[in-house]
């Protein structure tokens, strides 16, 4: 048994299930592991897979409150994805009509990165690792 922590999943609550499903599967290219409608909760749960085994759990709930502020509210600040080619990913997002902030360089690592948002305004980051 390993005593190391490693990421398993990140849960995201969406306001518009079809729109967010399209964004995470078609725009970001995540694969569908399982899709379940939970009648008792009037809620969808979509399990999405990424390379390395980390998953996104995409939920909907009736009347879920909006995110209070972004991105500097207490709690999860943003979700970052490692990419090999930042420019290609920026172009892909822009082809899908997703606004991408100007690319910046991390002053400590010299890695290039940028931010964009999911359909509900959740701050997402692309971080170039190669």
Foldseek 3Di string as FASTA:
>chain_A
DDPDDDAAEAEDEDADVVQLVCCVCVLVNWAWPDWDQDVVQNKIWTWTADPPNYIYTYMYGPPDDADPDAQPDPDDRAAEDEDADPVVSCVSCVVVVWDKDDWDADPVPRWIKTWTAGPRRGIYMYTHDD
